[in-house]
């Protein structure tokens, strides 16, 4: 599906604060400071962490995995848990890459917008790469 969280864009001051706390956090500066969300997750000890049937991949910190019978609500709550861990350590709020469209009668609909397809000649700007429906 792709990355669950977006890479945060931060000011020079915030970047300096984060690197003071953990100089190993990956970032890119080219006019704007973009911090690797995966690196933030990894550096707060959440890569490979699992709660019940949902967890962060052991191979890539930006992938949330359903290991069995996790519900949509489990995945949503787990993503908030990961966001809270990152915020507690770095003071940065992670923004989901997925869009939580709506929750109706126990159904959470998540959509993942593919920016690469939107920039191609074969797709309209509103195309979705994946639409994931999770029953809770």
C-alpha atoms as a PDB file:
ATOM      1  CA  UNK A   1       0.000   0.000   0.000  1.00  0.00           C
ATOM      2  CA  UNK A   2       2.803   2.470   0.705  1.00  0.00           C
ATOM      3  CA  UNK A   3       3.866   4.590   3.627  1.00  0.00           C
ATOM      4  CA  UNK A   4       1.363   5.054   6.436  1.00  0.00           C
ATOM      5  CA  UNK A   5       2.765   8.429   7.586  1.00  0.00           C
ATOM      6  CA  UNK A   6       4.018  11.506   5.719  1.00  0.00           C
ATOM      7  CA  UNK A   7       7.525  12.870   6.260  1.00  0.00           C
ATOM      8  CA  UNK A   8       7.144  15.990   8.437  1.00  0.00           C
ATOM      9  CA  UNK A   9       8.375  19.374   7.180  1.00  0.00           C
ATOM     10  CA  UNK A  10       9.856  21.410  10.032  1.00  0.00           C
ATOM     11  CA  UNK A  11      11.589  24.711  10.731  1.00  0.00           C
ATOM     12  CA  UNK A  12      15.345  25.001  11.274  1.00  0.00           C
ATOM     13  CA  UNK A  13      14.725  25.452  15.013  1.00  0.00           C
ATOM     14  CA  UNK A  14      12.655  22.261  15.307  1.00  0.00           C
ATOM     15  CA  UNK A  15      15.145  20.303  13.191  1.00  0.00           C
ATOM     16  CA  UNK A  16      17.960  21.451  15.467  1.00  0.00           C
ATOM     17  CA  UNK A  17      15.963  20.400  18.534  1.00  0.00           C
ATOM     18  CA  UNK A  18      15.292  16.935  17.085  1.00  0.00           C
ATOM     19  CA  UNK A  19      18.925  16.415  16.107  1.00  0.00           C
ATOM     20  CA  UNK A  20      20.008  17.477  19.588  1.00  0.00           C
ATOM     21  CA  UNK A  21      17.770  14.747  21.056  1.00  0.00           C
ATOM     22  CA  UNK A  22      18.888  12.137  18.507  1.00  0.00           C
ATOM     23  CA  UNK A  23      21.550  13.035  15.907  1.00  0.00           C
ATOM     24  CA  UNK A  24      20.854   9.799  14.010  1.00  0.00           C
ATOM     25  CA  UNK A  25      17.417  10.863  12.758  1.00  0.00           C
ATOM     26  CA  UNK A  26      17.420  10.995   8.957  1.00  0.00           C
ATOM     27  CA  UNK A  27      16.414  14.237   7.257  1.00  0.00           C
ATOM     28  CA  UNK A  28      16.809  16.134   3.998  1.00  0.00           C
ATOM     29  CA  UNK A  29      17.316  19.884   3.699  1.00  0.00           C
ATOM     30  CA  UNK A  30      17.014  21.538   0.316  1.00  0.00           C
ATOM     31  CA  UNK A  31      15.266  24.816   1.014  1.00  0.00           C
ATOM     32  CA  UNK A  32      12.886  22.965   3.342  1.00  0.00           C
ATOM     33  CA  UNK A  33      13.640  20.538   6.164  1.00  0.00           C
ATOM     34  CA  UNK A  34      11.949  17.186   5.669  1.00  0.00           C
ATOM     35  CA  UNK A  35      12.433  14.578   8.390  1.00  0.00           C
ATOM     36  CA  UNK A  36      12.054  10.875   7.673  1.00  0.00           C
ATOM     37  CA  UNK A  37       8.907   9.679   9.462  1.00  0.00           C
ATOM     38  CA  UNK A  38      10.298   6.151   9.310  1.00  0.00           C
ATOM     39  CA  UNK A  39      13.468   7.306  11.028  1.00  0.00           C
ATOM     40  CA  UNK A  40      11.440   9.033  13.769  1.00  0.00           C
ATOM     41  CA  UNK A  41       9.454   5.826  14.317  1.00  0.00           C
ATOM     42  CA  UNK A  42      12.609   3.727  14.360  1.00  0.00           C
ATOM     43  CA  UNK A  43      14.451   6.093  16.727  1.00  0.00           C
ATOM     44  CA  UNK A  44      11.644   5.995  19.268  1.00  0.00           C
ATOM     45  CA  UNK A  45      11.882   2.202  19.371  1.00  0.00           C
ATOM     46  CA  UNK A  46       8.697   1.405  17.472  1.00  0.00           C
ATOM     47  CA  UNK A  47      10.107  -0.422  14.426  1.00  0.00           C
ATOM     48  CA  UNK A  48       8.939  -4.025  14.729  1.00  0.00           C
ATOM     49  CA  UNK A  49       6.686  -3.262  17.708  1.00  0.00           C
ATOM     50  CA  UNK A  50       3.453  -5.252  17.805  1.00  0.00           C
ATOM     51  CA  UNK A  51       0.237  -4.894  19.787  1.00  0.00           C
ATOM     52  CA  UNK A  52      -2.064  -7.861  19.336  1.00  0.00           C
ATOM     53  CA  UNK A  53      -2.554  -8.498  15.637  1.00  0.00           C
ATOM     54  CA  UNK A  54      -1.219  -5.154  14.375  1.00  0.00           C
ATOM     55  CA  UNK A  55       2.305  -3.807  14.312  1.00  0.00           C
ATOM     56  CA  UNK A  56       5.046  -1.859  12.587  1.00  0.00           C
ATOM     57  CA  UNK A  57       6.946  -3.897  10.019  1.00  0.00           C
ATOM     58  CA  UNK A  58      10.344  -5.179  11.127  1.00  0.00           C
ATOM     59  CA  UNK A  59      11.706  -4.297   7.678  1.00  0.00           C
ATOM     60  CA  UNK A  60      10.251  -0.822   7.094  1.00  0.00           C
ATOM     61  CA  UNK A  61       9.093   1.517   9.864  1.00  0.00           C
ATOM     62  CA  UNK A  62       6.499   3.258   7.675  1.00  0.00           C
ATOM     63  CA  UNK A  63       4.466   0.106   7.094  1.00  0.00           C
ATOM     64  CA  UNK A  64       1.724  -0.938   9.507  1.00  0.00           C
ATOM     65  CA  UNK A  65       0.967  -4.648   9.241  1.00  0.00           C
ATOM     66  CA  UNK A  66      -2.191  -6.604  10.043  1.00  0.00           C
ATOM     67  CA  UNK A  67      -0.758  -9.892  11.345  1.00  0.00           C
ATOM     68  CA  UNK A  68      -4.086 -11.638  11.596  1.00  0.00           C
ATOM     69  CA  UNK A  69      -7.493 -10.510  12.639  1.00  0.00           C
ATOM     70  CA  UNK A  70      -6.843  -6.855  13.483  1.00  0.00           C
ATOM     71  CA  UNK A  71      -9.879  -4.677  12.892  1.00  0.00           C
ATOM     72  CA  UNK A  72      -9.907  -1.274  11.249  1.00  0.00           C
ATOM     73  CA  UNK A  73     -10.310   0.218  14.693  1.00  0.00           C
ATOM     74  CA  UNK A  74      -7.239  -1.727  15.902  1.00  0.00           C
ATOM     75  CA  UNK A  75      -5.174  -0.301  13.027  1.00  0.00           C
ATOM     76  CA  UNK A  76      -6.489   3.218  13.596  1.00  0.00           C
ATOM     77  CA  UNK A  77      -5.756   3.032  17.338  1.00  0.00           C
ATOM     78  CA  UNK A  78      -2.325   1.535  16.710  1.00  0.00           C
ATOM     79  CA  UNK A  79      -1.438   4.337  14.291  1.00  0.00           C
ATOM     80  CA  UNK A  80      -2.364   6.828  17.035  1.00  0.00           C
ATOM     81  CA  UNK A  81      -0.203   4.872  19.497  1.00  0.00           C
ATOM     82  CA  UNK A  82       2.798   5.135  17.151  1.00  0.00           C
ATOM     83  CA  UNK A  83       2.111   8.826  16.620  1.00  0.00           C
ATOM     84  CA  UNK A  84       1.990   9.334  20.397  1.00  0.00           C
ATOM     85  CA  UNK A  85       5.365   7.581  20.832  1.00  0.00           C
ATOM     86  CA  UNK A  86       6.966   9.860  18.232  1.00  0.00           C
ATOM     87  CA  UNK A  87       5.367  12.952  19.759  1.00  0.00           C
ATOM     88  CA  UNK A  88       6.507  11.979  23.264  1.00  0.00           C
ATOM     89  CA  UNK A  89      10.139  11.696  22.182  1.00  0.00           C
ATOM     90  CA  UNK A  90      10.455  14.374  19.498  1.00  0.00           C
ATOM     91  CA  UNK A  91       7.468  16.724  19.871  1.00  0.00           C
ATOM     92  CA  UNK A  92       6.490  16.077  16.247  1.00  0.00           C
ATOM     93  CA  UNK A  93       2.998  15.028  15.196  1.00  0.00           C
ATOM     94  CA  UNK A  94       2.970  12.451  12.430  1.00  0.00           C
ATOM     95  CA  UNK A  95       0.370  13.018   9.737  1.00  0.00           C
ATOM     96  CA  UNK A  96      -1.077   9.881   8.151  1.00  0.00           C
ATOM     97  CA  UNK A  97      -0.455   9.379   4.435  1.00  0.00           C
ATOM     98  CA  UNK A  98      -3.717   7.459   4.343  1.00  0.00           C
ATOM     99  CA  UNK A  99      -6.889   9.486   4.533  1.00  0.00           C
ATOM    100  CA  UNK A 100      -9.525   8.303   6.972  1.00  0.00           C
ATOM    101  CA  UNK A 101     -12.565   9.013   4.854  1.00  0.00           C
ATOM    102  CA  UNK A 102     -15.365   8.032   7.208  1.00  0.00           C
ATOM    103  CA  UNK A 103     -16.494   5.666   9.893  1.00  0.00           C
ATOM    104  CA  UNK A 104     -20.046   4.397   9.532  1.00  0.00           C
ATOM    105  CA  UNK A 105     -21.649   1.515  11.402  1.00  0.00           C
ATOM    106  CA  UNK A 106     -18.387  -0.214  12.190  1.00  0.00           C
ATOM    107  CA  UNK A 107     -16.681   0.456   8.857  1.00  0.00           C
ATOM    108  CA  UNK A 108     -13.595   2.614   8.474  1.00  0.00           C
ATOM    109  CA  UNK A 109     -12.751   3.514   4.895  1.00  0.00           C
ATOM    110  CA  UNK A 110      -9.144   4.457   4.258  1.00  0.00           C
ATOM    111  CA  UNK A 111      -7.893   5.805   0.983  1.00  0.00           C
ATOM    112  CA  UNK A 112      -4.335   6.209  -0.171  1.00  0.00           C
ATOM    113  CA  UNK A 113      -3.790   8.892  -2.773  1.00  0.00           C
ATOM    114  CA  UNK A 114      -0.984   8.125  -5.171  1.00  0.00           C
ATOM    115  CA  UNK A 115       0.717  11.400  -6.053  1.00  0.00           C
ATOM    116  CA  UNK A 116       2.881   9.683  -8.666  1.00  0.00           C
ATOM    117  CA  UNK A 117      -0.141   8.492 -10.610  1.00  0.00           C
ATOM    118  CA  UNK A 118      -1.716  11.927 -10.295  1.00  0.00           C
ATOM    119  CA  UNK A 119       1.295  13.419 -12.074  1.00  0.00           C
ATOM    120  CA  UNK A 120       1.244  10.936 -14.937  1.00  0.00           C
ATOM    121  CA  UNK A 121      -0.615  11.379 -18.222  1.00  0.00           C
ATOM    122  CA  UNK A 122      -2.687   8.258 -17.648  1.00  0.00           C
ATOM    123  CA  UNK A 123      -4.511   9.281 -14.529  1.00  0.00           C
ATOM    124  CA  UNK A 124      -6.741  12.073 -13.327  1.00  0.00           C
ATOM    125  CA  UNK A 125      -5.552  14.188 -10.368  1.00  0.00           C
ATOM    126  CA  UNK A 126      -8.127  12.531  -8.143  1.00  0.00           C
ATOM    127  CA  UNK A 127      -7.113   8.921  -8.803  1.00  0.00           C
ATOM    128  CA  UNK A 128      -6.650   6.599  -5.867  1.00  0.00           C
ATOM    129  CA  UNK A 129      -4.091   3.810  -5.980  1.00  0.00           C
ATOM    130  CA  UNK A 130      -5.762   1.811  -3.256  1.00  0.00           C
ATOM    131  CA  UNK A 131      -9.023   1.948  -1.408  1.00  0.00           C
ATOM    132  CA  UNK A 132      -8.969  -0.111   1.740  1.00  0.00           C
ATOM    133  CA  UNK A 133     -12.177  -0.874   3.604  1.00  0.00           C
ATOM    134  CA  UNK A 134     -11.713  -2.124   7.148  1.00  0.00           C
ATOM    135  CA  UNK A 135     -14.584  -3.627   9.103  1.00  0.00           C
ATOM    136  CA  UNK A 136     -14.541  -2.946  12.852  1.00  0.00           C
END
